[in-house]
């Protein structure tokens, strides 16, 4: 797993549980034959492709992270 891409994905989705669920769901989708949202790089692992999709804004969460942070429900 590429740590740099992981950090970029964490910047987009600050909640670790939400990020893990998004990555898990998308990984399963790709494994079952769904097409990637980005062109895979040569030799890129599937997990890095999923993280790159999130980091580049191709996937988003429906949670309002700013509202959760204001309520003290989001740990940074």
C-alpha atoms as a PDB file:
ATOM      1  CA  UNK A   1       0.000   0.000   0.000  1.00  0.00           C
ATOM      2  CA  UNK A   2       1.295   3.417  -0.979  1.00  0.00           C
ATOM      3  CA  UNK A   3       1.366   5.580   2.174  1.00  0.00           C
ATOM      4  CA  UNK A   4       1.390   8.838   0.193  1.00  0.00           C
ATOM      5  CA  UNK A   5      -1.854   7.930  -1.570  1.00  0.00           C
ATOM      6  CA  UNK A   6      -3.337   6.774   1.738  1.00  0.00           C
ATOM      7  CA  UNK A   7      -2.605  10.173   3.308  1.00  0.00           C
ATOM      8  CA  UNK A   8      -4.260  11.971   0.376  1.00  0.00           C
ATOM      9  CA  UNK A   9      -7.334   9.749   0.722  1.00  0.00           C
ATOM     10  CA  UNK A  10      -7.422  10.429   4.482  1.00  0.00           C
ATOM     11  CA  UNK A  11      -7.391  14.161   3.721  1.00  0.00           C
ATOM     12  CA  UNK A  12     -10.563  13.694   1.622  1.00  0.00           C
ATOM     13  CA  UNK A  13     -12.271  11.294   4.066  1.00  0.00           C
ATOM     14  CA  UNK A  14     -11.092  12.194   7.596  1.00  0.00           C
ATOM     15  CA  UNK A  15     -13.117   9.508   9.368  1.00  0.00           C
ATOM     16  CA  UNK A  16     -11.091   6.280   9.464  1.00  0.00           C
ATOM     17  CA  UNK A  17     -14.141   3.968   9.772  1.00  0.00           C
ATOM     18  CA  UNK A  18     -15.835   5.638   6.794  1.00  0.00           C
ATOM     19  CA  UNK A  19     -12.634   5.439   4.738  1.00  0.00           C
ATOM     20  CA  UNK A  20     -12.181   1.752   5.561  1.00  0.00           C
ATOM     21  CA  UNK A  21     -15.771   0.996   4.566  1.00  0.00           C
ATOM     22  CA  UNK A  22     -15.444   2.924   1.303  1.00  0.00           C
ATOM     23  CA  UNK A  23     -12.189   1.173   0.405  1.00  0.00           C
ATOM     24  CA  UNK A  24     -13.611  -2.242   1.282  1.00  0.00           C
ATOM     25  CA  UNK A  25     -16.764  -1.729  -0.779  1.00  0.00           C
ATOM     26  CA  UNK A  26     -14.900  -0.360  -3.805  1.00  0.00           C
ATOM     27  CA  UNK A  27     -12.257  -3.109  -3.625  1.00  0.00           C
ATOM     28  CA  UNK A  28     -15.013  -5.737  -3.740  1.00  0.00           C
ATOM     29  CA  UNK A  29     -16.656  -3.958  -6.669  1.00  0.00           C
ATOM     30  CA  UNK A  30     -13.401  -3.972  -8.650  1.00  0.00           C
ATOM     31  CA  UNK A  31     -12.772  -7.612  -7.716  1.00  0.00           C
ATOM     32  CA  UNK A  32     -16.188  -8.570  -9.057  1.00  0.00           C
ATOM     33  CA  UNK A  33     -15.426  -6.994 -12.434  1.00  0.00           C
ATOM     34  CA  UNK A  34     -16.598  -3.413 -12.187  1.00  0.00           C
ATOM     35  CA  UNK A  35     -14.502  -0.966 -14.220  1.00  0.00           C
ATOM     36  CA  UNK A  36     -12.098   1.398 -12.441  1.00  0.00           C
ATOM     37  CA  UNK A  37     -12.901   5.114 -12.344  1.00  0.00           C
ATOM     38  CA  UNK A  38      -9.279   5.940 -13.204  1.00  0.00           C
ATOM     39  CA  UNK A  39      -6.813   4.347 -15.561  1.00  0.00           C
ATOM     40  CA  UNK A  40      -4.674   1.935 -13.514  1.00  0.00           C
ATOM     41  CA  UNK A  41      -0.976   2.759 -13.454  1.00  0.00           C
ATOM     42  CA  UNK A  42       1.462   0.051 -14.598  1.00  0.00           C
ATOM     43  CA  UNK A  43       2.006  -2.414 -11.759  1.00  0.00           C
ATOM     44  CA  UNK A  44      -0.438  -0.583  -9.451  1.00  0.00           C
ATOM     45  CA  UNK A  45      -2.066  -2.728  -6.780  1.00  0.00           C
ATOM     46  CA  UNK A  46      -5.849  -2.691  -6.632  1.00  0.00           C
ATOM     47  CA  UNK A  47      -5.852  -1.173  -3.124  1.00  0.00           C
ATOM     48  CA  UNK A  48      -3.753   1.751  -4.359  1.00  0.00           C
ATOM     49  CA  UNK A  49      -6.127   2.260  -7.280  1.00  0.00           C
ATOM     50  CA  UNK A  50      -9.063   2.448  -4.865  1.00  0.00           C
ATOM     51  CA  UNK A  51      -7.233   4.923  -2.621  1.00  0.00           C
ATOM     52  CA  UNK A  52      -6.276   7.002  -5.659  1.00  0.00           C
ATOM     53  CA  UNK A  53      -9.930   7.080  -6.781  1.00  0.00           C
ATOM     54  CA  UNK A  54     -10.842   8.508  -3.381  1.00  0.00           C
ATOM     55  CA  UNK A  55      -7.873  10.901  -3.218  1.00  0.00           C
ATOM     56  CA  UNK A  56      -8.675  12.306  -6.667  1.00  0.00           C
ATOM     57  CA  UNK A  57     -12.322  12.869  -5.771  1.00  0.00           C
ATOM     58  CA  UNK A  58     -13.825  10.139  -7.954  1.00  0.00           C
ATOM     59  CA  UNK A  59     -15.571   8.715  -4.882  1.00  0.00           C
ATOM     60  CA  UNK A  60     -17.157  10.720  -2.097  1.00  0.00           C
ATOM     61  CA  UNK A  61     -18.845  10.103   1.207  1.00  0.00           C
ATOM     62  CA  UNK A  62     -22.306  11.413   1.987  1.00  0.00           C
ATOM     63  CA  UNK A  63     -21.294  12.405   5.509  1.00  0.00           C
ATOM     64  CA  UNK A  64     -20.959  16.091   6.407  1.00  0.00           C
ATOM     65  CA  UNK A  65     -17.577  15.927   8.142  1.00  0.00           C
ATOM     66  CA  UNK A  66     -17.619  19.624   9.081  1.00  0.00           C
ATOM     67  CA  UNK A  67     -20.914  19.188  10.946  1.00  0.00           C
ATOM     68  CA  UNK A  68     -19.607  16.072  12.705  1.00  0.00           C
ATOM     69  CA  UNK A  69     -16.437  17.918  13.772  1.00  0.00           C
ATOM     70  CA  UNK A  70     -18.447  20.847  15.154  1.00  0.00           C
ATOM     71  CA  UNK A  71     -20.445  18.410  17.258  1.00  0.00           C
ATOM     72  CA  UNK A  72     -17.260  16.785  18.517  1.00  0.00           C
ATOM     73  CA  UNK A  73     -18.043  13.460  16.860  1.00  0.00           C
ATOM     74  CA  UNK A  74     -15.022  13.366  14.594  1.00  0.00           C
ATOM     75  CA  UNK A  75     -11.515  12.653  15.831  1.00  0.00           C
ATOM     76  CA  UNK A  76      -8.735  14.104  13.724  1.00  0.00           C
END
